[in-house]
N, C-alpha and C. Protein backbone atom coordinates (compact mmCIF):
# COMPACT_ATOMS: atom_id res chain seq x y z
N UNK A 1 0.79 -1.18 -0.07
CA UNK A 1 0.05 -0.16 -0.09
C UNK A 1 0.63 1.44 -0.02
N UNK A 2 2.19 0.90 0.43
CA UNK A 2 2.73 2.59 0.74
C UNK A 2 3.26 2.77 -0.81
N UNK A 3 3.87 1.72 -1.53
CA UNK A 3 4.04 1.78 -2.83
C UNK A 3 3.26 2.44 -3.73
N UNK A 4 1.72 1.88 -3.33
CA UNK A 4 0.76 2.38 -4.12
C UNK A 4 0.71 4.02 -3.71
N UNK A 5 0.85 4.30 -2.67
CA UNK A 5 0.58 5.76 -2.12
C UNK A 5 1.86 6.59 -2.70
N UNK A 6 2.76 6.19 -2.81
CA UNK A 6 3.85 7.19 -3.28
C UNK A 6 4.08 7.26 -4.81
N UNK A 7 3.47 5.97 -5.41
CA UNK A 7 3.84 6.16 -6.81
C UNK A 7 2.77 7.13 -7.57
N UNK A 8 3.23 7.22 -8.82
CA UNK A 8 2.64 7.69 -9.99
C UNK A 8 0.96 7.13 -9.68
N UNK A 9 -0.21 7.96 -9.81
CA UNK A 9 -1.58 7.71 -9.77
C UNK A 9 -1.80 6.39 -10.76
N UNK A 10 -0.99 6.94 -12.22
CA UNK A 10 -1.35 6.04 -13.31
C UNK A 10 -0.79 4.70 -12.97
N UNK A 11 0.52 4.72 -12.42
CA UNK A 11 0.93 3.14 -12.24
C UNK A 11 -0.02 2.50 -10.82
N UNK A 12 -0.32 3.31 -10.02
CA UNK A 12 -1.38 2.63 -9.10
C UNK A 12 -2.42 2.10 -9.73
N UNK A 13 -3.00 2.48 -10.74
CA UNK A 13 -4.30 1.97 -11.44
C UNK A 13 -3.80 0.54 -12.02
N UNK A 14 -2.65 0.67 -12.95
CA UNK A 14 -2.08 -0.69 -13.44
C UNK A 14 -1.74 -1.46 -12.04
N UNK A 15 -1.12 -1.27 -11.20
CA UNK A 15 -1.00 -2.01 -9.96
C UNK A 15 -2.38 -2.77 -9.53
N UNK A 16 -3.45 -1.89 -9.14
CA UNK A 16 -4.54 -2.40 -8.87
C UNK A 16 -4.93 -3.30 -9.78
N UNK A 17 -4.78 -3.01 -11.14
CA UNK A 17 -5.57 -4.02 -12.07
C UNK A 17 -4.83 -5.39 -11.85
N UNK A 18 -3.63 -5.23 -11.81
CA UNK A 18 -2.55 -6.46 -12.10
C UNK A 18 -3.04 -7.25 -10.52
N UNK A 19 -3.43 -6.63 -9.41
CA UNK A 19 -3.51 -7.28 -8.35
C UNK A 19 -4.96 -8.29 -8.37
N UNK A 20 -6.12 -7.59 -9.47
CA UNK A 20 -7.16 -8.15 -9.40
C UNK A 20 -7.04 -9.24 -10.30
N UNK A 21 -6.01 -9.43 -11.38
CA UNK A 21 -5.83 -10.69 -12.23
C UNK A 21 -6.61 -10.14 -13.56
N UNK A 22 -5.81 -10.68 -14.41
CA UNK A 22 -6.69 -10.72 -15.81
C UNK A 22 -5.42 -11.04 -16.75
N UNK A 23 -6.12 -10.98 -18.03
CA UNK A 23 -5.45 -11.38 -19.04
C UNK A 23 -5.13 -10.39 -20.04
N UNK A 24 -4.19 -9.54 -19.91
CA UNK A 24 -3.94 -8.40 -20.53
C UNK A 24 -3.15 -8.58 -21.69
N UNK A 25 -2.43 -9.72 -22.15
CA UNK A 25 -1.56 -9.91 -22.90
C UNK A 25 -2.08 -9.75 -24.45
N UNK A 26 -1.37 -9.02 -25.11
CA UNK A 26 -1.54 -8.89 -26.64
C UNK A 26 -0.24 -9.36 -27.06
N UNK A 27 -0.48 -10.32 -28.09
CA UNK A 27 1.00 -10.64 -28.66
C UNK A 27 1.37 -11.85 -28.25
N UNK A 28 2.63 -12.31 -28.69
CA UNK A 28 3.22 -13.39 -28.54
C UNK A 28 4.56 -13.35 -27.54
N UNK A 29 5.06 -12.13 -27.32
CA UNK A 29 6.44 -12.12 -26.51
C UNK A 29 6.38 -12.47 -25.29
N UNK A 30 5.30 -11.98 -24.65
CA UNK A 30 5.21 -12.12 -23.05
C UNK A 30 4.96 -13.77 -22.92
N UNK A 31 4.17 -14.31 -23.82
CA UNK A 31 3.97 -15.89 -23.59
C UNK A 31 4.97 -16.30 -23.82
N UNK A 32 5.62 -16.33 -24.77
CA UNK A 32 7.27 -16.93 -25.21
C UNK A 32 8.16 -16.76 -23.90
N UNK A 33 8.33 -15.67 -23.37
CA UNK A 33 8.79 -15.46 -22.19
C UNK A 33 8.54 -16.62 -20.96
N UNK A 34 7.48 -17.03 -21.01
CA UNK A 34 6.87 -17.87 -19.79
C UNK A 34 7.31 -19.34 -20.27
N UNK A 35 7.60 -19.64 -21.41
CA UNK A 35 7.55 -21.17 -22.09
C UNK A 35 8.74 -21.80 -21.14
N UNK A 36 9.78 -21.11 -20.79
CA UNK A 36 10.86 -21.96 -20.15
C UNK A 36 10.35 -22.52 -18.77
N UNK A 37 9.79 -21.67 -18.02
CA UNK A 37 9.02 -21.95 -16.80
C UNK A 37 8.41 -23.06 -16.68
N UNK A 38 7.21 -22.61 -17.80
CA UNK A 38 6.21 -23.88 -17.85
C UNK A 38 6.73 -25.08 -18.26
N UNK A 39 7.60 -25.18 -19.28
CA UNK A 39 8.15 -26.41 -19.65
C UNK A 39 8.82 -27.09 -18.84
N UNK A 40 9.84 -26.44 -17.86
CA UNK A 40 10.51 -27.06 -16.85
C UNK A 40 9.39 -27.61 -15.78
N UNK A 41 8.81 -26.93 -15.69
CA UNK A 41 7.57 -27.47 -14.56
C UNK A 41 6.77 -28.45 -14.78
N UNK A 42 6.18 -28.54 -16.14
CA UNK A 42 5.47 -29.47 -16.48
C UNK A 42 6.14 -30.63 -16.86
N UNK A 43 7.43 -30.40 -17.21
CA UNK A 43 8.32 -31.61 -17.32
C UNK A 43 8.74 -32.30 -15.94
N UNK A 44 8.69 -31.58 -14.72
CA UNK A 44 8.85 -32.20 -13.59
C UNK A 44 7.84 -32.94 -13.20
N UNK A 45 6.57 -32.31 -13.49
CA UNK A 45 5.21 -32.75 -12.89
C UNK A 45 4.93 -34.01 -13.65
N UNK A 46 5.21 -34.09 -14.91
CA UNK A 46 4.91 -35.50 -15.55
C UNK A 46 5.80 -36.43 -15.38
N UNK A 47 7.06 -36.18 -15.42
CA UNK A 47 8.15 -37.15 -14.69
C UNK A 47 7.88 -37.77 -13.62
N UNK A 48 7.04 -37.10 -12.70
CA UNK A 48 6.70 -37.68 -11.20
C UNK A 48 5.57 -38.24 -11.19
N UNK A 49 4.52 -38.39 -12.20
CA UNK A 49 3.23 -38.91 -12.17
C UNK A 49 3.11 -40.28 -11.25
N UNK A 50 4.22 -41.25 -11.66
CA UNK A 50 4.20 -42.49 -10.87
C UNK A 50 4.49 -42.16 -9.46
N UNK A 51 5.31 -41.50 -8.95
CA UNK A 51 5.60 -41.11 -7.38
C UNK A 51 4.36 -40.43 -6.87
N UNK A 52 3.77 -39.62 -7.78
CA UNK A 52 2.83 -38.88 -7.18
C UNK A 52 1.30 -40.04 -6.68
N UNK A 53 1.09 -40.79 -7.71
CA UNK A 53 0.17 -41.89 -7.64
C UNK A 53 0.37 -42.70 -6.67
N UNK A 54 1.59 -43.06 -6.49
CA UNK A 54 1.82 -43.79 -5.06
C UNK A 54 2.02 -43.04 -3.69
N UNK A 55 2.08 -42.07 -3.76
CA UNK A 55 2.20 -40.97 -2.64
C UNK A 55 0.39 -40.55 -2.07
N UNK A 56 -0.34 -41.34 -2.87
CA UNK A 56 -1.78 -41.21 -2.60
C UNK A 56 -2.03 -41.93 -1.55
N UNK A 57 -1.11 -43.14 -1.47
CA UNK A 57 -1.26 -44.08 -0.57
C UNK A 57 -0.79 -43.68 1.04
N UNK A 58 -0.29 -42.51 1.06
CA UNK A 58 0.37 -42.30 2.61
C UNK A 58 1.90 -42.27 2.19
N UNK A 59 2.42 -41.56 3.04
CA UNK A 59 3.89 -41.36 3.26
C UNK A 59 4.52 -42.78 3.87
N UNK A 60 4.20 -43.37 4.38
CA UNK A 60 4.76 -44.72 5.05
C UNK A 60 4.85 -45.84 4.11
N UNK A 61 3.64 -45.85 3.34
CA UNK A 61 3.32 -46.88 2.25
C UNK A 61 4.33 -46.46 1.01
N UNK A 62 4.26 -45.05 0.61
CA UNK A 62 4.94 -44.57 -0.57
C UNK A 62 6.79 -45.03 -0.14
N UNK A 63 7.09 -44.62 0.99
CA UNK A 63 8.43 -44.66 1.46
C UNK A 63 8.83 -46.15 1.31
N UNK A 64 7.85 -47.23 1.85
CA UNK A 64 8.17 -48.58 1.83
C UNK A 64 8.18 -48.77 0.31
N UNK A 65 7.72 -48.33 -0.75
CA UNK A 65 7.68 -48.78 -2.24
C UNK A 65 8.95 -47.85 -2.80
N UNK A 66 9.66 -47.47 -1.95
CA UNK A 66 10.84 -46.57 -2.68
C UNK A 66 10.83 -45.22 -3.23
N UNK A 67 9.89 -44.59 -2.74
CA UNK A 67 9.75 -43.01 -3.15
C UNK A 67 10.01 -42.46 -2.05
N UNK A 68 11.03 -41.42 -2.43
CA UNK A 68 11.64 -40.53 -1.35
C UNK A 68 10.79 -39.34 -1.52
N UNK A 69 9.69 -39.42 -0.42
CA UNK A 69 8.80 -38.55 -0.39
C UNK A 69 9.08 -37.00 -0.11
N UNK A 70 10.17 -36.79 0.61
CA UNK A 70 10.47 -35.58 1.05
C UNK A 70 11.13 -34.79 -0.37
N UNK A 71 12.09 -35.59 -1.04
CA UNK A 71 12.58 -35.17 -2.28
C UNK A 71 11.38 -34.83 -3.27
N UNK A 72 10.60 -35.82 -3.45
CA UNK A 72 9.63 -35.60 -4.26
C UNK A 72 8.85 -34.21 -4.19
N UNK A 73 8.52 -34.17 -2.78
CA UNK A 73 7.70 -32.63 -2.19
C UNK A 73 8.46 -31.59 -2.72
N UNK A 74 9.82 -31.59 -2.37
CA UNK A 74 10.43 -30.62 -2.44
C UNK A 74 10.64 -30.35 -4.04
N UNK A 75 10.96 -31.05 -4.72
CA UNK A 75 11.09 -31.06 -6.27
C UNK A 75 9.92 -30.21 -6.83
N UNK A 76 8.54 -30.84 -6.51
CA UNK A 76 7.26 -30.39 -7.09
C UNK A 76 7.03 -29.10 -6.63
N UNK A 77 7.17 -28.61 -5.37
CA UNK A 77 7.21 -27.27 -4.54
C UNK A 77 7.81 -26.29 -5.35
N UNK A 78 9.03 -26.66 -5.87
CA UNK A 78 10.05 -25.67 -6.62
C UNK A 78 9.59 -25.56 -8.01
N UNK A 79 9.19 -26.80 -8.48
CA UNK A 79 8.80 -26.64 -9.93
C UNK A 79 7.32 -25.82 -10.16
N UNK A 80 6.62 -26.21 -9.31
CA UNK A 80 5.17 -25.54 -9.17
C UNK A 80 5.37 -24.00 -8.79
N UNK A 81 5.97 -23.90 -7.61
CA UNK A 81 6.39 -22.25 -7.28
C UNK A 81 7.03 -21.67 -8.56
N UNK A 82 7.98 -22.27 -9.34
CA UNK A 82 8.37 -21.56 -10.62
C UNK A 82 7.37 -21.24 -11.66
N UNK A 83 6.62 -22.03 -11.92
CA UNK A 83 5.46 -21.84 -12.68
C UNK A 83 4.49 -21.05 -12.33
N UNK A 84 4.05 -20.98 -11.49
CA UNK A 84 3.18 -20.26 -10.45
C UNK A 84 3.72 -18.72 -10.67
N UNK A 85 5.13 -18.68 -10.25
CA UNK A 85 5.32 -17.17 -10.29
C UNK A 85 5.45 -16.60 -11.40
N UNK A 86 5.96 -17.40 -12.69
CA UNK A 86 6.06 -17.11 -13.97
C UNK A 86 4.84 -16.24 -14.61
N UNK A 87 3.71 -17.20 -14.32
CA UNK A 87 2.53 -16.87 -14.64
C UNK A 87 1.71 -15.65 -13.91
N UNK A 88 1.92 -15.64 -12.72
CA UNK A 88 1.48 -14.56 -11.95
C UNK A 88 2.25 -13.03 -12.24
N UNK A 89 3.43 -13.32 -12.54
CA UNK A 89 4.24 -11.87 -13.08
C UNK A 89 3.57 -11.23 -14.26
N UNK A 90 2.90 -12.16 -14.95
CA UNK A 90 2.42 -11.79 -16.16
C UNK A 90 0.75 -11.56 -16.01
N UNK A 91 0.07 -12.32 -15.45
CA UNK A 91 -1.50 -12.02 -15.27
C UNK A 91 -1.85 -11.74 -14.24
N UNK A 92 -1.08 -11.72 -12.94
CA UNK A 92 -1.70 -11.43 -11.77
C UNK A 92 -2.18 -12.30 -11.09
N UNK A 93 -2.54 -12.24 -9.59
CA UNK A 93 -2.87 -13.44 -8.92
C UNK A 93 -4.37 -13.82 -8.97
N UNK A 94 -4.49 -14.40 -10.37
CA UNK A 94 -5.90 -14.94 -10.50
C UNK A 94 -6.38 -16.12 -9.60
N UNK A 95 -7.17 -16.12 -8.53
CA UNK A 95 -7.35 -17.24 -7.71
C UNK A 95 -8.25 -17.94 -8.07
N UNK A 96 -8.03 -19.15 -7.24
CA UNK A 96 -9.08 -20.25 -7.31
C UNK A 96 -8.88 -21.24 -8.42
N UNK A 97 -8.16 -20.74 -9.38
CA UNK A 97 -8.28 -21.54 -10.56
C UNK A 97 -7.60 -22.88 -10.33
N UNK A 98 -6.40 -22.84 -9.88
CA UNK A 98 -5.50 -23.97 -9.36
C UNK A 98 -6.10 -24.83 -8.17
N UNK A 99 -7.01 -24.22 -7.49
CA UNK A 99 -7.53 -25.04 -6.40
C UNK A 99 -8.60 -25.70 -6.94
N UNK A 100 -9.77 -25.04 -7.58
CA UNK A 100 -10.87 -25.64 -7.79
C UNK A 100 -10.43 -26.91 -9.16
N UNK A 101 -10.28 -26.31 -10.11
CA UNK A 101 -10.02 -27.24 -11.50
C UNK A 101 -9.56 -28.58 -10.92
N UNK A 102 -8.40 -28.79 -10.27
CA UNK A 102 -7.85 -30.05 -10.25
C UNK A 102 -8.78 -31.16 -9.33
N UNK A 103 -9.62 -30.36 -8.24
CA UNK A 103 -10.63 -31.14 -7.59
C UNK A 103 -11.51 -31.90 -8.54
N UNK A 104 -12.24 -30.66 -9.20
CA UNK A 104 -13.37 -31.25 -10.16
C UNK A 104 -12.77 -32.08 -10.95
N UNK A 105 -11.63 -32.37 -11.74
CA UNK A 105 -10.87 -32.89 -12.60
C UNK A 105 -10.83 -34.55 -11.85
N UNK A 106 -10.38 -34.61 -10.73
CA UNK A 106 -10.22 -35.88 -9.64
C UNK A 106 -11.49 -36.28 -9.73
N UNK A 107 -12.52 -35.49 -9.79
CA UNK A 107 -14.02 -36.45 -9.66
C UNK A 107 -14.37 -37.08 -10.92
N UNK A 108 -13.89 -36.24 -12.06
CA UNK A 108 -14.27 -36.62 -13.27
C UNK A 108 -13.45 -37.97 -13.72
N UNK A 109 -12.18 -37.79 -13.81
CA UNK A 109 -11.28 -38.65 -14.35
C UNK A 109 -10.50 -39.76 -13.45
N UNK A 110 -10.73 -39.42 -12.03
CA UNK A 110 -10.11 -40.24 -11.20
C UNK A 110 -8.61 -39.98 -10.78
N UNK A 111 -8.23 -40.46 -9.92
CA UNK A 111 -6.85 -39.84 -9.31
C UNK A 111 -5.35 -40.08 -10.08
N UNK A 112 -5.57 -40.71 -10.83
CA UNK A 112 -4.27 -40.96 -11.60
C UNK A 112 -3.71 -40.07 -12.13
N UNK A 113 -2.69 -39.57 -11.83
CA UNK A 113 -1.82 -38.16 -12.40
C UNK A 113 -1.58 -38.44 -13.55
N UNK A 114 -1.43 -39.21 -14.39
CA UNK A 114 -1.05 -39.49 -15.90
C UNK A 114 -2.18 -39.07 -16.55
N UNK A 115 -3.38 -39.04 -16.23
CA UNK A 115 -4.38 -38.26 -16.71
C UNK A 115 -5.17 -37.13 -16.13
N UNK A 116 -4.85 -37.07 -14.67
CA UNK A 116 -5.44 -35.76 -13.99
C UNK A 116 -4.46 -34.52 -14.62
N UNK A 117 -3.17 -34.87 -14.66
CA UNK A 117 -2.63 -33.52 -15.24
C UNK A 117 -2.70 -33.14 -16.63
N UNK A 118 -2.88 -33.75 -17.44
CA UNK A 118 -3.64 -33.00 -18.76
C UNK A 118 -4.63 -32.39 -18.66
N UNK A 119 -5.83 -33.13 -18.10
CA UNK A 119 -7.07 -32.91 -17.94
C UNK A 119 -7.34 -31.73 -17.20
N UNK A 120 -6.40 -31.51 -16.10
CA UNK A 120 -6.46 -30.46 -15.33
C UNK A 120 -6.01 -29.13 -16.09
N UNK A 121 -5.05 -29.23 -16.68
CA UNK A 121 -4.41 -28.11 -17.64
C UNK A 121 -5.34 -27.73 -18.64
N UNK A 122 -5.99 -28.38 -19.40
CA UNK A 122 -6.94 -28.14 -20.66
C UNK A 122 -8.28 -27.60 -19.82
N UNK A 123 -8.34 -28.17 -18.83
CA UNK A 123 -9.74 -27.64 -18.07
C UNK A 123 -9.62 -26.20 -17.25
N UNK A 124 -8.50 -26.11 -16.81
CA UNK A 124 -8.04 -24.80 -16.21
C UNK A 124 -8.15 -23.84 -17.25
N UNK A 125 -7.40 -24.08 -18.34
CA UNK A 125 -7.45 -22.95 -19.47
C UNK A 125 -9.01 -22.72 -20.13
N UNK A 126 -9.48 -23.88 -20.08
CA UNK A 126 -11.22 -23.65 -20.88
C UNK A 126 -11.83 -22.47 -19.70
N UNK A 127 -11.57 -23.22 -18.23
CA UNK A 127 -12.45 -22.25 -17.42
C UNK A 127 -11.79 -20.86 -17.48
N UNK A 128 -10.78 -20.73 -17.38
CA UNK A 128 -10.16 -19.34 -17.55
C UNK A 128 -10.57 -18.60 -18.91
N UNK A 129 -10.88 -19.27 -19.91
CA UNK A 129 -11.42 -18.49 -20.90
C UNK A 129 -12.81 -18.23 -21.12
N UNK A 130 -13.28 -18.97 -20.33
CA UNK A 130 -14.93 -18.79 -20.15
C UNK A 130 -15.02 -17.66 -19.10
N UNK A 131 -14.27 -17.51 -17.87
CA UNK A 131 -14.34 -16.37 -16.99
C UNK A 131 -13.86 -15.04 -18.03
N UNK A 132 -13.02 -15.17 -18.49
CA UNK A 132 -12.56 -14.01 -19.47
C UNK A 132 -13.46 -13.48 -20.18
N UNK A 133 -14.34 -14.48 -21.05
CA UNK A 133 -15.32 -14.09 -21.86
C UNK A 133 -16.53 -13.51 -20.91
N UNK A 134 -16.91 -13.90 -19.65
CA UNK A 134 -18.02 -13.32 -19.01
C UNK A 134 -17.32 -12.08 -18.67
N UNK A 135 -16.17 -11.82 -17.99
CA UNK A 135 -15.53 -10.60 -17.59
C UNK A 135 -15.74 -9.50 -18.90
N UNK A 136 -15.57 -9.97 -19.77
CA UNK A 136 -15.51 -9.06 -21.05
C UNK A 136 -17.09 -8.65 -21.55
N UNK A 137 -17.83 -9.33 -21.18
CA UNK A 137 -19.03 -9.34 -21.74
C UNK A 137 -20.46 -9.01 -20.94
N UNK A 138 -20.12 -9.35 -19.61
CA UNK A 138 -21.32 -8.71 -18.54
C UNK A 138 -21.70 -7.81 -18.36
N UNK A 139 -20.50 -6.56 -18.28
CA UNK A 139 -21.19 -5.16 -18.31
C UNK A 139 -20.25 -4.42 -19.55
N UNK A 140 -20.39 -4.97 -20.69
CA UNK A 140 -19.68 -4.45 -21.74
C UNK A 140 -20.25 -3.05 -21.96
N UNK A 141 -19.43 -1.92 -22.62
CA UNK A 141 -18.05 -2.29 -23.16
C UNK A 141 -17.01 -2.11 -21.88
N UNK A 142 -17.37 -1.98 -20.55
CA UNK A 142 -16.36 -2.23 -19.88
C UNK A 142 -16.16 -3.44 -19.37
N UNK A 143 -14.72 -3.75 -18.67
CA UNK A 143 -14.44 -4.93 -18.53
C UNK A 143 -14.44 -5.41 -16.87
N UNK A 144 -14.88 -6.42 -16.42
CA UNK A 144 -14.51 -6.96 -15.12
C UNK A 144 -13.47 -7.40 -14.68
N UNK A 145 -12.23 -7.31 -13.96
CA UNK A 145 -11.12 -8.18 -13.83
C UNK A 145 -11.56 -9.50 -13.54
N UNK A 146 -10.81 -10.36 -14.32
CA UNK A 146 -11.01 -11.86 -14.29
C UNK A 146 -10.91 -12.39 -12.89
N UNK A 147 -10.06 -11.83 -12.06
CA UNK A 147 -9.85 -12.35 -10.57
C UNK A 147 -11.33 -12.34 -9.95
N UNK A 148 -12.01 -11.34 -10.28
CA UNK A 148 -13.48 -10.92 -9.76
C UNK A 148 -14.46 -12.02 -10.20
N UNK A 149 -14.20 -12.58 -11.20
CA UNK A 149 -15.17 -13.63 -11.90
C UNK A 149 -14.56 -14.83 -11.17
N UNK A 150 -13.48 -15.27 -11.31
CA UNK A 150 -12.84 -16.48 -10.68
C UNK A 150 -13.36 -16.52 -9.46
N UNK A 151 -13.00 -15.54 -8.52
CA UNK A 151 -13.36 -15.53 -7.00
C UNK A 151 -14.96 -15.70 -6.93
N UNK A 152 -15.76 -15.18 -7.88
CA UNK A 152 -17.23 -15.42 -7.47
C UNK A 152 -17.50 -16.91 -7.51
N UNK A 153 -16.69 -17.68 -8.37
CA UNK A 153 -16.86 -19.30 -8.39
C UNK A 153 -16.17 -19.71 -7.47
N UNK A 154 -14.89 -19.35 -7.02
CA UNK A 154 -13.90 -20.01 -5.95
C UNK A 154 -14.39 -19.83 -4.68
N UNK A 155 -14.90 -18.93 -4.02
CA UNK A 155 -15.25 -18.56 -2.86
C UNK A 155 -16.21 -19.51 -2.21
N UNK A 156 -17.48 -19.80 -2.96
CA UNK A 156 -18.16 -20.91 -2.63
C UNK A 156 -17.41 -22.22 -2.61
N UNK A 157 -16.63 -22.40 -3.69
CA UNK A 157 -15.99 -23.71 -3.83
C UNK A 157 -14.90 -24.05 -2.45
N UNK A 158 -14.38 -23.06 -2.00
CA UNK A 158 -13.36 -22.94 -1.00
C UNK A 158 -14.16 -23.24 0.13
N UNK A 159 -15.44 -22.76 0.61
CA UNK A 159 -16.39 -22.78 1.56
C UNK A 159 -16.61 -24.31 1.66
N UNK A 160 -17.04 -24.93 0.43
CA UNK A 160 -17.54 -26.39 0.45
C UNK A 160 -16.41 -27.12 0.75
N UNK A 161 -15.09 -26.77 0.26
CA UNK A 161 -14.29 -27.81 0.61
C UNK A 161 -14.00 -27.64 2.27
N UNK A 162 -13.87 -26.44 2.81
CA UNK A 162 -13.87 -26.46 4.05
C UNK A 162 -14.71 -27.17 4.97
N UNK A 163 -15.91 -26.93 4.60
CA UNK A 163 -16.98 -27.71 5.30
C UNK A 163 -16.79 -29.28 5.03
N UNK A 164 -16.63 -29.36 4.00
CA UNK A 164 -16.30 -31.17 3.93
C UNK A 164 -15.08 -31.47 4.83
N UNK A 165 -13.91 -30.79 4.73
CA UNK A 165 -12.90 -31.23 5.66
C UNK A 165 -13.11 -31.20 7.21
N UNK A 166 -14.07 -30.22 7.46
CA UNK A 166 -14.27 -30.33 8.80
C UNK A 166 -15.29 -31.38 9.61
N UNK A 167 -16.06 -31.77 8.40
CA UNK A 167 -16.82 -33.06 8.71
C UNK A 167 -15.73 -34.18 8.83
N UNK A 168 -14.95 -34.44 8.12
CA UNK A 168 -14.08 -35.51 8.35
C UNK A 168 -13.02 -35.31 9.44
């Protein structure tokens, strides 16, 4: 907030729009700059699908089957953080997509990560595209920040998850 206060008002507006999240990119240069982070992160995730499937059985069983649970978690944490940081730097923090879509996809295609990862990737893209269309058309010609639209769907989903985990 201090940076917003001391900055040029035009930059403050740009920062505010970025914080709400959106797909502001026109052209391919920004997208190409994301490719290294996305390729490295996805390669790490895809190469560890077997370990992720085994880890669904619990830490003890996974360790017993030869999975170095701590190493896999650290590697995936770094890979996913790298991908997330790259995308957020361009689009802002578009909330809830990464939380909702994999849960929904798991219900549809099952828990095996070999299927879950690509389906989640495609479904997340389609969901974001649908939210972007809504954001651009609901109050046209003005545009709602896409983060507002995703939060509209994500907040109830989060409450549902919290309620279900409290029951367990």
